[in-house]
Each structure stands twice: as C-alpha cells, then as structure tokens.
Amino acid sequence: MRMESLRDLTKDELLQKQEEIRLELFNLKMRKGVRELDNPLKLRTLRRALAQIETVLQEDRLDIRNIVDQVGSLLDRANDKKQSQDSK
C-alpha cells in the first residue's frame, strides 16, 4: 500500500486496517509453524504494511504533517516573493 493512500485514511480506518493486518500476520505465523505457508513473502509484505500504518499513526500523534504543510506554505510564499523581486 502506498504511503499517500494511507495518509488519506482517517485514524479509525488506519486502526482498523492495523488490526486486520496484525490478525492476518498472526495467522500466517501460526501456519508457518506447522509448515503450511504457501507464500512466505506474504509475511514480509504484511510486516512492511504494518510498519507503514504505524508510521502514519505516529506522524498524526506528533502532528508532523501539519508542521510540514506549514513549512511548505512558508517556502512557497518565500519563493513567490523572490520571483516577484527577480522580475522587477
């Protein structure tokens, strides 16, 4: 799953998806223990998806996205001001 699409989800949707992935990961680990795993790479993809979701949730907790948006808007304003001065 792409990070951009994860960032578009609400907190409740992220928590629900996190729980689904954890349950699926648990089930795959149990099947791996009895050697009934068809696709061992599925474990890696699930771990990565879980890490991505946890990263987005942490960004929300730390309010990182709002800070990045604010800095980006400040940089945009500075660039616009510089371009208007250069055109004079």
C-alpha atoms as a PDB file:
ATOM      1  CA  MET A   1       0.000   0.000   0.000  1.00  0.00           C
ATOM      2  CA  ARG A   2       1.263   3.447  -0.836  1.00  0.00           C
ATOM      3  CA  MET A   3       2.016   5.949   1.913  1.00  0.00           C
ATOM      4  CA  GLU A   4      -0.019   8.647   0.160  1.00  0.00           C
ATOM      5  CA  SER A   5      -3.125   6.480   0.211  1.00  0.00           C
ATOM      6  CA  LEU A   6      -2.520   5.623   3.871  1.00  0.00           C
ATOM      7  CA  ARG A   7      -2.228   9.297   4.749  1.00  0.00           C
ATOM      8  CA  ASP A   8      -5.626   9.911   3.157  1.00  0.00           C
ATOM      9  CA  LEU A   9      -7.331   7.449   5.527  1.00  0.00           C
ATOM     10  CA  THR A  10      -8.885   8.524   8.806  1.00  0.00           C
ATOM     11  CA  LYS A  11      -7.432   7.477  12.131  1.00  0.00           C
ATOM     12  CA  ASP A  12     -10.245   4.968  12.692  1.00  0.00           C
ATOM     13  CA  GLU A  13      -9.685   3.410   9.271  1.00  0.00           C
ATOM     14  CA  LEU A  14      -5.956   3.151   9.963  1.00  0.00           C
ATOM     15  CA  LEU A  15      -6.556   1.482  13.322  1.00  0.00           C
ATOM     16  CA  GLN A  16      -8.991  -0.968  11.749  1.00  0.00           C
ATOM     17  CA  LYS A  17      -6.541  -1.792   8.950  1.00  0.00           C
ATOM     18  CA  GLN A  18      -3.755  -2.191  11.527  1.00  0.00           C
ATOM     19  CA  GLU A  19      -5.814  -4.705  13.479  1.00  0.00           C
ATOM     20  CA  GLU A  20      -6.673  -6.657  10.314  1.00  0.00           C
ATOM     21  CA  ILE A  21      -3.022  -6.871   9.309  1.00  0.00           C
ATOM     22  CA  ARG A  22      -1.945  -7.922  12.805  1.00  0.00           C
ATOM     23  CA  LEU A  23      -4.522 -10.710  12.808  1.00  0.00           C
ATOM     24  CA  GLU A  24      -3.502 -11.890   9.344  1.00  0.00           C
ATOM     25  CA  LEU A  25       0.175 -11.747  10.325  1.00  0.00           C
ATOM     26  CA  PHE A  26      -0.538 -13.793  13.443  1.00  0.00           C
ATOM     27  CA  ASN A  27      -2.404 -16.426  11.418  1.00  0.00           C
ATOM     28  CA  LEU A  28       0.403 -16.645   8.868  1.00  0.00           C
ATOM     29  CA  LYS A  29       2.993 -17.074  11.621  1.00  0.00           C
ATOM     30  CA  MET A  30       0.950 -19.912  13.098  1.00  0.00           C
ATOM     31  CA  ARG A  31       0.678 -21.613   9.703  1.00  0.00           C
ATOM     32  CA  LYS A  32       4.404 -21.135   9.189  1.00  0.00           C
ATOM     33  CA  GLY A  33       4.974 -23.022  12.435  1.00  0.00           C
ATOM     34  CA  VAL A  34       3.232 -26.088  11.045  1.00  0.00           C
ATOM     35  CA  ARG A  35       4.788 -25.593   7.599  1.00  0.00           C
ATOM     36  CA  GLU A  36       1.579 -24.817   5.714  1.00  0.00           C
ATOM     37  CA  LEU A  37       2.679 -21.496   4.292  1.00  0.00           C
ATOM     38  CA  ASP A  38       2.191 -21.150   0.520  1.00  0.00           C
ATOM     39  CA  ASN A  39       3.818 -17.746   0.099  1.00  0.00           C
ATOM     40  CA  PRO A  40       6.474 -16.895   2.701  1.00  0.00           C
ATOM     41  CA  LEU A  41       6.969 -13.447   1.157  1.00  0.00           C
ATOM     42  CA  LYS A  42       3.473 -12.532   2.368  1.00  0.00           C
ATOM     43  CA  LEU A  43       4.950 -12.257   5.889  1.00  0.00           C
ATOM     44  CA  ARG A  44       7.383  -9.583   4.724  1.00  0.00           C
ATOM     45  CA  THR A  45       4.727  -7.587   2.910  1.00  0.00           C
ATOM     46  CA  LEU A  46       2.431  -7.675   5.927  1.00  0.00           C
ATOM     47  CA  ARG A  47       5.211  -6.567   8.281  1.00  0.00           C
ATOM     48  CA  ARG A  48       6.035  -3.671   5.975  1.00  0.00           C
ATOM     49  CA  ALA A  49       2.391  -2.654   5.629  1.00  0.00           C
ATOM     50  CA  LEU A  50       2.037  -2.731   9.411  1.00  0.00           C
ATOM     51  CA  ALA A  51       5.153  -0.558   9.781  1.00  0.00           C
ATOM     52  CA  GLN A  52       3.796   1.938   7.253  1.00  0.00           C
ATOM     53  CA  ILE A  53       0.489   2.209   9.095  1.00  0.00           C
ATOM     54  CA  GLU A  54       2.283   2.667  12.403  1.00  0.00           C
ATOM     55  CA  THR A  55       4.444   5.376  10.813  1.00  0.00           C
ATOM     56  CA  VAL A  56       1.381   7.297   9.629  1.00  0.00           C
ATOM     57  CA  LEU A  57      -0.253   6.950  13.046  1.00  0.00           C
ATOM     58  CA  GLN A  58       2.930   8.253  14.701  1.00  0.00           C
ATOM     59  CA  GLU A  59       3.009  11.196  12.295  1.00  0.00           C
ATOM     60  CA  ASP A  60      -0.540  12.016  13.367  1.00  0.00           C
ATOM     61  CA  ARG A  61       0.363  11.746  17.057  1.00  0.00           C
ATOM     62  CA  LEU A  62       3.324  14.091  16.620  1.00  0.00           C
ATOM     63  CA  ASP A  63       1.354  16.373  14.276  1.00  0.00           C
ATOM     64  CA  ILE A  64       4.191  16.150  11.759  1.00  0.00           C
ATOM     65  CA  ARG A  65       2.013  16.561   8.682  1.00  0.00           C
ATOM     66  CA  ASN A  66       0.681  19.928   9.833  1.00  0.00           C
ATOM     67  CA  ILE A  67       4.206  21.146  10.553  1.00  0.00           C
ATOM     68  CA  VAL A  68       5.405  20.017   7.109  1.00  0.00           C
ATOM     69  CA  ASP A  69       2.417  21.719   5.471  1.00  0.00           C
ATOM     70  CA  GLN A  70       3.149  24.957   7.335  1.00  0.00           C
ATOM     71  CA  VAL A  71       6.820  24.909   6.368  1.00  0.00           C
ATOM     72  CA  GLY A  72       5.870  24.134   2.780  1.00  0.00           C
ATOM     73  CA  SER A  73       3.487  27.076   2.616  1.00  0.00           C
ATOM     74  CA  LEU A  74       6.154  29.359   4.092  1.00  0.00           C
ATOM     75  CA  LEU A  75       8.642  28.172   1.489  1.00  0.00           C
ATOM     76  CA  ASP A  76       6.085  28.717  -1.280  1.00  0.00           C
ATOM     77  CA  ARG A  77       5.490  32.280  -0.098  1.00  0.00           C
ATOM     78  CA  ALA A  78       9.241  32.930   0.059  1.00  0.00           C
ATOM     79  CA  ASN A  79       9.708  31.571  -3.463  1.00  0.00           C
ATOM     80  CA  ASP A  80       6.831  33.707  -4.777  1.00  0.00           C
ATOM     81  CA  LYS A  81       8.297  36.796  -3.125  1.00  0.00           C
ATOM     82  CA  LYS A  82      11.731  36.063  -4.575  1.00  0.00           C
ATOM     83  CA  GLN A  83      10.306  35.533  -8.070  1.00  0.00           C
ATOM     84  CA  SER A  84       8.380  38.806  -7.896  1.00  0.00           C
ATOM     85  CA  GLN A  85      11.552  40.643  -6.838  1.00  0.00           C
ATOM     86  CA  ASP A  86      13.572  38.994  -9.598  1.00  0.00           C
ATOM     87  CA  SER A  87      11.057  40.036 -12.234  1.00  0.00           C
ATOM     88  CA  LYS A  88      11.357  43.727 -11.299  1.00  0.00           C
END
